[in-house]
Amino acid sequence: MTLFSRARRQNLDKALVSFLETLGDAPFSTLIIDPGDYPDVLPRTWTELTERGLLKVEGVNCEMYKLMPLGYVRALKISRCSDAS
């Protein structure tokens, strides 16, 4: 894995964990994500998350995203929250 692809992967993982932290104890389906709230997420990361089915574009005139079930599960695994007893 190249340094560039490792950095992209880390940004993707960091973004998912950030979304999970924002979500807190609310149902994941209620989280609408505004990219303006996550300035550290790279533009390519938004595209990649959407292409992988982890996020869904939400809204017609503005760029908002919805966390998908697969994205929620992936965020749990990355953050190791799914390991908690």
PDB file of N, CA and C in Angstrom:
ATOM      1  N   MET A   1       0.856  -1.175   0.000  1.00  0.00           N
ATOM      2  CA  MET A   1       0.000   0.000   0.000  1.00  0.00           C
ATOM      3  C   MET A   1       0.902   1.238   0.000  1.00  0.00           C
ATOM      4  N   THR A   2       0.617   2.140  -0.884  1.00  0.00           N
ATOM      5  CA  THR A   2       1.433   3.348  -0.973  1.00  0.00           C
ATOM      6  C   THR A   2       1.068   4.312   0.155  1.00  0.00           C
ATOM      7  N   LEU A   3       1.946   5.263   0.359  1.00  0.00           N
ATOM      8  CA  LEU A   3       1.711   6.275   1.387  1.00  0.00           C
ATOM      9  C   LEU A   3       0.430   7.053   1.093  1.00  0.00           C
ATOM     10  N   PHE A   4       0.200   7.364  -0.200  1.00  0.00           N
ATOM     11  CA  PHE A   4      -0.988   8.106  -0.598  1.00  0.00           C
ATOM     12  C   PHE A   4      -2.253   7.306  -0.315  1.00  0.00           C
ATOM     13  N   SER A   5      -2.264   6.022  -0.682  1.00  0.00           N
ATOM     14  CA  SER A   5      -3.467   5.215  -0.463  1.00  0.00           C
ATOM     15  C   SER A   5      -3.685   4.962   1.030  1.00  0.00           C
ATOM     16  N   ARG A   6      -2.610   4.867   1.794  1.00  0.00           N
ATOM     17  CA  ARG A   6      -2.741   4.697   3.245  1.00  0.00           C
ATOM     18  C   ARG A   6      -3.365   5.953   3.865  1.00  0.00           C
ATOM     19  N   ALA A   7      -2.941   7.123   3.405  1.00  0.00           N
ATOM     20  CA  ALA A   7      -3.500   8.382   3.913  1.00  0.00           C
ATOM     21  C   ALA A   7      -4.975   8.507   3.547  1.00  0.00           C
ATOM     22  N   ARG A   8      -5.335   8.095   2.323  1.00  0.00           N
ATOM     23  CA  ARG A   8      -6.747   8.122   1.919  1.00  0.00           C
ATOM     24  C   ARG A   8      -7.579   7.188   2.778  1.00  0.00           C
ATOM     25  N   ARG A   9      -7.054   6.011   3.032  1.00  0.00           N
ATOM     26  CA  ARG A   9      -7.763   5.010   3.867  1.00  0.00           C
ATOM     27  C   ARG A   9      -7.940   5.535   5.288  1.00  0.00           C
ATOM     28  N   GLN A  10      -6.896   6.155   5.828  1.00  0.00           N
ATOM     29  CA  GLN A  10      -6.986   6.713   7.176  1.00  0.00           C
ATOM     30  C   GLN A  10      -8.006   7.835   7.232  1.00  0.00           C
ATOM     31  N   ASN A  11      -8.077   8.659   6.179  1.00  0.00           N
ATOM     32  CA  ASN A  11      -9.051   9.737   6.149  1.00  0.00           C
ATOM     33  C   ASN A  11     -10.470   9.175   6.082  1.00  0.00           C
ATOM     34  N   LEU A  12     -10.663   8.119   5.310  1.00  0.00           N
ATOM     35  CA  LEU A  12     -11.956   7.470   5.208  1.00  0.00           C
ATOM     36  C   LEU A  12     -12.375   6.911   6.571  1.00  0.00           C
ATOM     37  N   ASP A  13     -11.470   6.196   7.222  1.00  0.00           N
ATOM     38  CA  ASP A  13     -11.766   5.618   8.533  1.00  0.00           C
ATOM     39  C   ASP A  13     -12.043   6.703   9.572  1.00  0.00           C
ATOM     40  N   LYS A  14     -11.242   7.749   9.551  1.00  0.00           N
ATOM     41  CA  LYS A  14     -11.428   8.856  10.492  1.00  0.00           C
ATOM     42  C   LYS A  14     -12.786   9.528  10.283  1.00  0.00           C
ATOM     43  N   ALA A  15     -13.176   9.679   9.027  1.00  0.00           N
ATOM     44  CA  ALA A  15     -14.470  10.283   8.718  1.00  0.00           C
ATOM     45  C   ALA A  15     -15.605   9.446   9.297  1.00  0.00           C
ATOM     46  N   LEU A  16     -15.563   8.141   9.089  1.00  0.00           N
ATOM     47  CA  LEU A  16     -16.625   7.270   9.596  1.00  0.00           C
ATOM     48  C   LEU A  16     -16.716   7.318  11.116  1.00  0.00           C
ATOM     49  N   VAL A  17     -15.577   7.330  11.781  1.00  0.00           N
ATOM     50  CA  VAL A  17     -15.578   7.405  13.246  1.00  0.00           C
ATOM     51  C   VAL A  17     -16.130   8.761  13.694  1.00  0.00           C
ATOM     52  N   SER A  18     -15.802   9.827  12.977  1.00  0.00           N
ATOM     53  CA  SER A  18     -16.337  11.153  13.304  1.00  0.00           C
ATOM     54  C   SER A  18     -17.858  11.170  13.185  1.00  0.00           C
ATOM     55  N   PHE A  19     -18.381  10.522  12.137  1.00  0.00           N
ATOM     56  CA  PHE A  19     -19.830  10.463  11.969  1.00  0.00           C
ATOM     57  C   PHE A  19     -20.468   9.703  13.129  1.00  0.00           C
ATOM     58  N   LEU A  20     -19.833   8.620  13.540  1.00  0.00           N
ATOM     59  CA  LEU A  20     -20.340   7.817  14.655  1.00  0.00           C
ATOM     60  C   LEU A  20     -20.340   8.626  15.948  1.00  0.00           C
ATOM     61  N   GLU A  21     -19.296   9.412  16.167  1.00  0.00           N
ATOM     62  CA  GLU A  21     -19.224  10.256  17.363  1.00  0.00           C
ATOM     63  C   GLU A  21     -20.323  11.317  17.343  1.00  0.00           C
ATOM     64  N   THR A  22     -20.577  11.901  16.186  1.00  0.00           N
ATOM     65  CA  THR A  22     -21.641  12.894  16.047  1.00  0.00           C
ATOM     66  C   THR A  22     -23.000  12.267  16.329  1.00  0.00           C
ATOM     67  N   LEU A  23     -23.176  11.055  15.869  1.00  0.00           N
ATOM     68  CA  LEU A  23     -24.436  10.344  16.030  1.00  0.00           C
ATOM     69  C   LEU A  23     -24.775  10.091  17.494  1.00  0.00           C
ATOM     70  N   GLY A  24     -23.766   9.745  18.280  1.00  0.00           N
ATOM     71  CA  GLY A  24     -24.001   9.447  19.693  1.00  0.00           C
ATOM     72  C   GLY A  24     -24.928   8.258  19.842  1.00  0.00           C
ATOM     73  N   ASP A  25     -25.968   8.393  20.665  1.00  0.00           N
ATOM     74  CA  ASP A  25     -26.892   7.296  20.929  1.00  0.00           C
ATOM     75  C   ASP A  25     -28.140   7.334  20.043  1.00  0.00           C
ATOM     76  N   ALA A  26     -28.194   8.270  19.123  1.00  0.00           N
ATOM     77  CA  ALA A  26     -29.357   8.384  18.242  1.00  0.00           C
ATOM     78  C   ALA A  26     -29.346   7.261  17.200  1.00  0.00           C
ATOM     79  N   PRO A  27     -30.489   6.916  16.638  1.00  0.00           N
ATOM     80  CA  PRO A  27     -30.519   5.913  15.562  1.00  0.00           C
ATOM     81  C   PRO A  27     -29.720   6.407  14.359  1.00  0.00           C
ATOM     82  N   PHE A  28     -28.924   5.530  13.766  1.00  0.00           N
ATOM     83  CA  PHE A  28     -28.048   5.954  12.669  1.00  0.00           C
ATOM     84  C   PHE A  28     -28.838   6.540  11.501  1.00  0.00           C
ATOM     85  N   SER A  29     -30.075   6.116  11.333  1.00  0.00           N
ATOM     86  CA  SER A  29     -30.868   6.596  10.194  1.00  0.00           C
ATOM     87  C   SER A  29     -31.266   8.065  10.324  1.00  0.00           C
ATOM     88  N   THR A  30     -31.048   8.648  11.499  1.00  0.00           N
ATOM     89  CA  THR A  30     -31.408  10.045  11.708  1.00  0.00           C
ATOM     90  C   THR A  30     -30.271  11.013  11.384  1.00  0.00           C
ATOM     91  N   LEU A  31     -29.089  10.491  11.141  1.00  0.00           N
ATOM     92  CA  LEU A  31     -27.923  11.347  10.925  1.00  0.00           C
ATOM     93  C   LEU A  31     -27.865  11.864   9.489  1.00  0.00           C
ATOM     94  N   ILE A  32     -27.982  13.168   9.333  1.00  0.00           N
ATOM     95  CA  ILE A  32     -27.769  13.825   8.046  1.00  0.00           C
ATOM     96  C   ILE A  32     -26.433  14.556   8.169  1.00  0.00           C
ATOM     97  N   ILE A  33     -25.541  14.279   7.253  1.00  0.00           N
ATOM     98  CA  ILE A  33     -24.164  14.755   7.348  1.00  0.00           C
ATOM     99  C   ILE A  33     -23.938  15.921   6.389  1.00  0.00           C
ATOM    100  N   ASP A  34     -23.498  17.026   6.947  1.00  0.00           N
ATOM    101  CA  ASP A  34     -23.151  18.214   6.177  1.00  0.00           C
ATOM    102  C   ASP A  34     -21.630  18.264   6.066  1.00  0.00           C
ATOM    103  N   PRO A  35     -21.075  18.165   4.856  1.00  0.00           N
ATOM    104  CA  PRO A  35     -19.619  18.192   4.692  1.00  0.00           C
ATOM    105  C   PRO A  35     -18.961  19.417   5.328  1.00  0.00           C
ATOM    106  N   GLY A  36     -19.690  20.526   5.423  1.00  0.00           N
ATOM    107  CA  GLY A  36     -19.141  21.720   6.057  1.00  0.00           C
ATOM    108  C   GLY A  36     -18.799  21.516   7.524  1.00  0.00           C
ATOM    109  N   ASP A  37     -19.421  20.517   8.148  1.00  0.00           N
ATOM    110  CA  ASP A  37     -19.148  20.200   9.552  1.00  0.00           C
ATOM    111  C   ASP A  37     -17.906  19.331   9.718  1.00  0.00           C
ATOM    112  N   TYR A  38     -17.355  18.854   8.604  1.00  0.00           N
ATOM    113  CA  TYR A  38     -16.205  17.946   8.643  1.00  0.00           C
ATOM    114  C   TYR A  38     -15.111  18.437   7.685  1.00  0.00           C
ATOM    115  N   PRO A  39     -14.468  19.551   8.002  1.00  0.00           N
ATOM    116  CA  PRO A  39     -13.480  20.130   7.083  1.00  0.00           C
ATOM    117  C   PRO A  39     -12.242  19.255   6.860  1.00  0.00           C
ATOM    118  N   ASP A  40     -11.982  18.316   7.764  1.00  0.00           N
ATOM    119  CA  ASP A  40     -10.802  17.458   7.608  1.00  0.00           C
ATOM    120  C   ASP A  40     -11.037  16.289   6.650  1.00  0.00           C
ATOM    121  N   VAL A  41     -12.285  16.076   6.254  1.00  0.00           N
ATOM    122  CA  VAL A  41     -12.580  14.992   5.316  1.00  0.00           C
ATOM    123  C   VAL A  41     -12.260  15.472   3.906  1.00  0.00           C
ATOM    124  N   LEU A  42     -11.396  14.740   3.241  1.00  0.00           N
ATOM    125  CA  LEU A  42     -10.958  15.097   1.893  1.00  0.00           C
ATOM    126  C   LEU A  42     -12.106  14.967   0.892  1.00  0.00           C
ATOM    127  N   PRO A  43     -12.114  15.805  -0.151  1.00  0.00           N
ATOM    128  CA  PRO A  43     -13.172  15.711  -1.165  1.00  0.00           C
ATOM    129  C   PRO A  43     -13.303  14.312  -1.767  1.00  0.00           C
ATOM    130  N   ARG A  44     -12.200  13.671  -2.047  1.00  0.00           N
ATOM    131  CA  ARG A  44     -12.235  12.314  -2.626  1.00  0.00           C
ATOM    132  C   ARG A  44     -12.857  11.318  -1.646  1.00  0.00           C
ATOM    133  N   THR A  45     -12.711  11.550  -0.362  1.00  0.00           N
ATOM    134  CA  THR A  45     -13.270  10.637   0.639  1.00  0.00           C
ATOM    135  C   THR A  45     -14.787  10.600   0.548  1.00  0.00           C
ATOM    136  N   TRP A  46     -15.420  11.766   0.337  1.00  0.00           N
ATOM    137  CA  TRP A  46     -16.887  11.795   0.208  1.00  0.00           C
ATOM    138  C   TRP A  46     -17.326  10.929  -0.967  1.00  0.00           C
ATOM    139  N   THR A  47     -16.618  11.057  -2.071  1.00  0.00           N
ATOM    140  CA  THR A  47     -16.941  10.271  -3.268  1.00  0.00           C
ATOM    141  C   THR A  47     -16.749   8.786  -2.993  1.00  0.00           C
ATOM    142  N   GLU A  48     -15.647   8.446  -2.368  1.00  0.00           N
ATOM    143  CA  GLU A  48     -15.347   7.047  -2.077  1.00  0.00           C
ATOM    144  C   GLU A  48     -16.373   6.433  -1.129  1.00  0.00           C
ATOM    145  N   LEU A  49     -16.745   7.164  -0.095  1.00  0.00           N
ATOM    146  CA  LEU A  49     -17.742   6.668   0.850  1.00  0.00           C
ATOM    147  C   LEU A  49     -19.072   6.414   0.156  1.00  0.00           C
ATOM    148  N   THR A  50     -19.414   7.282  -0.777  1.00  0.00           N
ATOM    149  CA  THR A  50     -20.666   7.130  -1.521  1.00  0.00           C
ATOM    150  C   THR A  50     -20.574   5.946  -2.486  1.00  0.00           C
ATOM    151  N   GLU A  51     -19.467   5.846  -3.195  1.00  0.00           N
ATOM    152  CA  GLU A  51     -19.292   4.743  -4.151  1.00  0.00           C
ATOM    153  C   GLU A  51     -19.296   3.383  -3.472  1.00  0.00           C
ATOM    154  N   ARG A  52     -18.820   3.320  -2.247  1.00  0.00           N
ATOM    155  CA  ARG A  52     -18.776   2.058  -1.499  1.00  0.00           C
ATOM    156  C   ARG A  52     -20.095   1.737  -0.797  1.00  0.00           C
ATOM    157  N   GLY A  53     -21.064   2.629  -0.898  1.00  0.00           N
ATOM    158  CA  GLY A  53     -22.362   2.394  -0.272  1.00  0.00           C
ATOM    159  C   GLY A  53     -22.383   2.667   1.220  1.00  0.00           C
ATOM    160  N   LEU A  54     -21.387   3.402   1.711  1.00  0.00           N
ATOM    161  CA  LEU A  54     -21.317   3.725   3.132  1.00  0.00           C
ATOM    162  C   LEU A  54     -22.100   4.997   3.446  1.00  0.00           C
ATOM    163  N   LEU A  55     -22.224   5.862   2.444  1.00  0.00           N
ATOM    164  CA  LEU A  55     -23.030   7.079   2.530  1.00  0.00           C
ATOM    165  C   LEU A  55     -23.935   7.134   1.314  1.00  0.00           C
ATOM    166  N   LYS A  56     -25.000   7.907   1.440  1.00  0.00           N
ATOM    167  CA  LYS A  56     -25.907   8.158   0.322  1.00  0.00           C
ATOM    168  C   LYS A  56     -26.088   9.660   0.208  1.00  0.00           C
ATOM    169  N   VAL A  57     -26.051  10.163  -1.021  1.00  0.00           N
ATOM    170  CA  VAL A  57     -26.283  11.589  -1.238  1.00  0.00           C
ATOM    171  C   VAL A  57     -27.734  11.878  -0.878  1.00  0.00           C
ATOM    172  N   GLU A  58     -27.926  12.913  -0.085  1.00  0.00           N
ATOM    173  CA  GLU A  58     -29.242  13.284   0.419  1.00  0.00           C
ATOM    174  C   GLU A  58     -29.507  14.721   0.026  1.00  0.00           C
ATOM    175  N   GLY A  59     -30.667  15.012  -0.482  1.00  0.00           N
ATOM    176  CA  GLY A  59     -30.997  16.381  -0.868  1.00  0.00           C
ATOM    177  C   GLY A  59     -30.748  16.621  -2.342  1.00  0.00           C
ATOM    178  N   VAL A  60     -31.442  17.584  -2.882  1.00  0.00           N
ATOM    179  CA  VAL A  60     -31.360  17.862  -4.309  1.00  0.00           C
ATOM    180  C   VAL A  60     -30.417  19.020  -4.610  1.00  0.00           C
ATOM    181  N   ASN A  61     -30.567  20.116  -3.907  1.00  0.00           N
ATOM    182  CA  ASN A  61     -29.812  21.330  -4.234  1.00  0.00           C
ATOM    183  C   ASN A  61     -28.534  21.502  -3.440  1.00  0.00           C
ATOM    184  N   CYS A  62     -28.370  20.753  -2.387  1.00  0.00           N
ATOM    185  CA  CYS A  62     -27.153  20.916  -1.588  1.00  0.00           C
ATOM    186  C   CYS A  62     -26.539  19.549  -1.336  1.00  0.00           C
ATOM    187  N   GLU A  63     -25.280  19.569  -1.052  1.00  0.00           N
ATOM    188  CA  GLU A  63     -24.554  18.330  -0.843  1.00  0.00           C
ATOM    189  C   GLU A  63     -24.659  17.917   0.624  1.00  0.00           C
ATOM    190  N   MET A  64     -25.547  16.993   0.889  1.00  0.00           N
ATOM    191  CA  MET A  64     -25.709  16.421   2.224  1.00  0.00           C
ATOM    192  C   MET A  64     -25.659  14.907   2.042  1.00  0.00           C
ATOM    193  N   TYR A  65     -25.329  14.212   3.114  1.00  0.00           N
ATOM    194  CA  TYR A  65     -25.206  12.764   3.034  1.00  0.00           C
ATOM    195  C   TYR A  65     -25.965  12.105   4.176  1.00  0.00           C
ATOM    196  N   LYS A  66     -26.333  10.862   3.937  1.00  0.00           N
ATOM    197  CA  LYS A  66     -26.979  10.050   4.955  1.00  0.00           C
ATOM    198  C   LYS A  66     -26.098   8.825   5.193  1.00  0.00           C
ATOM    199  N   LEU A  67     -25.891   8.489   6.455  1.00  0.00           N
ATOM    200  CA  LEU A  67     -25.107   7.314   6.810  1.00  0.00           C
ATOM    201  C   LEU A  67     -25.937   6.068   6.535  1.00  0.00           C
ATOM    202  N   MET A  68     -25.397   5.162   5.758  1.00  0.00           N
ATOM    203  CA  MET A  68     -26.092   3.935   5.397  1.00  0.00           C
ATOM    204  C   MET A  68     -25.755   2.831   6.403  1.00  0.00           C
ATOM    205  N   PRO A  69     -26.567   1.771   6.477  1.00  0.00           N
ATOM    206  CA  PRO A  69     -26.301   0.689   7.429  1.00  0.00           C
ATOM    207  C   PRO A  69     -24.886   0.129   7.322  1.00  0.00           C
ATOM    208  N   LEU A  70     -24.405  -0.063   6.102  1.00  0.00           N
ATOM    209  CA  LEU A  70     -23.048  -0.579   5.909  1.00  0.00           C
ATOM    210  C   LEU A  70     -22.003   0.383   6.475  1.00  0.00           C
ATOM    211  N   GLY A  71     -22.231   1.683   6.300  1.00  0.00           N
ATOM    212  CA  GLY A  71     -21.313   2.687   6.848  1.00  0.00           C
ATOM    213  C   GLY A  71     -21.325   2.684   8.370  1.00  0.00           C
ATOM    214  N   TYR A  72     -22.508   2.498   8.939  1.00  0.00           N
ATOM    215  CA  TYR A  72     -22.637   2.439  10.390  1.00  0.00           C
ATOM    216  C   TYR A  72     -21.884   1.235  10.953  1.00  0.00           C
ATOM    217  N   VAL A  73     -22.069   0.086  10.336  1.00  0.00           N
ATOM    218  CA  VAL A  73     -21.379  -1.126  10.793  1.00  0.00           C
ATOM    219  C   VAL A  73     -19.875  -0.972  10.643  1.00  0.00           C
ATOM    220  N   ARG A  74     -19.447  -0.431   9.522  1.00  0.00           N
ATOM    221  CA  ARG A  74     -18.010  -0.218   9.295  1.00  0.00           C
ATOM    222  C   ARG A  74     -17.433   0.733  10.353  1.00  0.00           C
ATOM    223  N   ALA A  75     -18.158   1.798  10.667  1.00  0.00           N
ATOM    224  CA  ALA A  75     -17.707   2.750  11.689  1.00  0.00           C
ATOM    225  C   ALA A  75     -17.601   2.070  13.054  1.00  0.00           C
ATOM    226  N   LEU A  76     -18.567   1.223  13.370  1.00  0.00           N
ATOM    227  CA  LEU A  76     -18.507   0.479  14.635  1.00  0.00           C
ATOM    228  C   LEU A  76     -17.265  -0.409  14.700  1.00  0.00           C
ATOM    229  N   LYS A  77     -16.972  -1.096  13.598  1.00  0.00           N
ATOM    230  CA  LYS A  77     -15.797  -1.976  13.562  1.00  0.00           C
ATOM    231  C   LYS A  77     -14.500  -1.184  13.700  1.00  0.00           C
ATOM    232  N   ILE A  78     -14.408  -0.072  12.967  1.00  0.00           N
ATOM    233  CA  ILE A  78     -13.194   0.736  13.007  1.00  0.00           C
ATOM    234  C   ILE A  78     -12.976   1.312  14.397  1.00  0.00           C
ATOM    235  N   SER A  79     -14.045   1.797  15.012  1.00  0.00           N
ATOM    236  CA  SER A  79     -13.933   2.409  16.319  1.00  0.00           C
ATOM    237  C   SER A  79     -13.840   1.378  17.441  1.00  0.00           C
ATOM    238  N   ARG A  80     -14.058   0.129  17.096  1.00  0.00           N
ATOM    239  CA  ARG A  80     -14.038  -0.990  18.025  1.00  0.00           C
ATOM    240  C   ARG A  80     -15.188  -0.930  19.036  1.00  0.00           C
ATOM    241  N   CYS A  81     -16.193  -0.126  18.754  1.00  0.00           N
ATOM    242  CA  CYS A  81     -17.386  -0.073  19.609  1.00  0.00           C
ATOM    243  C   CYS A  81     -18.126  -1.399  19.575  1.00  0.00           C
ATOM    244  N   SER A  82     -18.011  -2.118  18.479  1.00  0.00           N
ATOM    245  CA  SER A  82     -18.708  -3.402  18.360  1.00  0.00           C
ATOM    246  C   SER A  82     -18.066  -4.463  19.231  1.00  0.00           C
ATOM    247  N   ASP A  83     -16.852  -4.191  19.750  1.00  0.00           N
ATOM    248  CA  ASP A  83     -16.174  -5.144  20.621  1.00  0.00           C
ATOM    249  C   ASP A  83     -16.586  -4.995  22.086  1.00  0.00           C
ATOM    250  N   ALA A  84     -17.272  -3.881  22.407  1.00  0.00           N
ATOM    251  CA  ALA A  84     -17.664  -3.623  23.803  1.00  0.00           C
ATOM    252  C   ALA A  84     -18.699  -4.629  24.260  1.00  0.00           C
ATOM    253  N   SER A  85     -18.584  -5.019  25.508  1.00  0.00           N
ATOM    254  CA  SER A  85     -19.536  -5.989  26.068  1.00  0.00           C
ATOM    255  C   SER A  85     -20.623  -5.287  26.811  1.00  0.00           C
TER     256      SER A  85
END
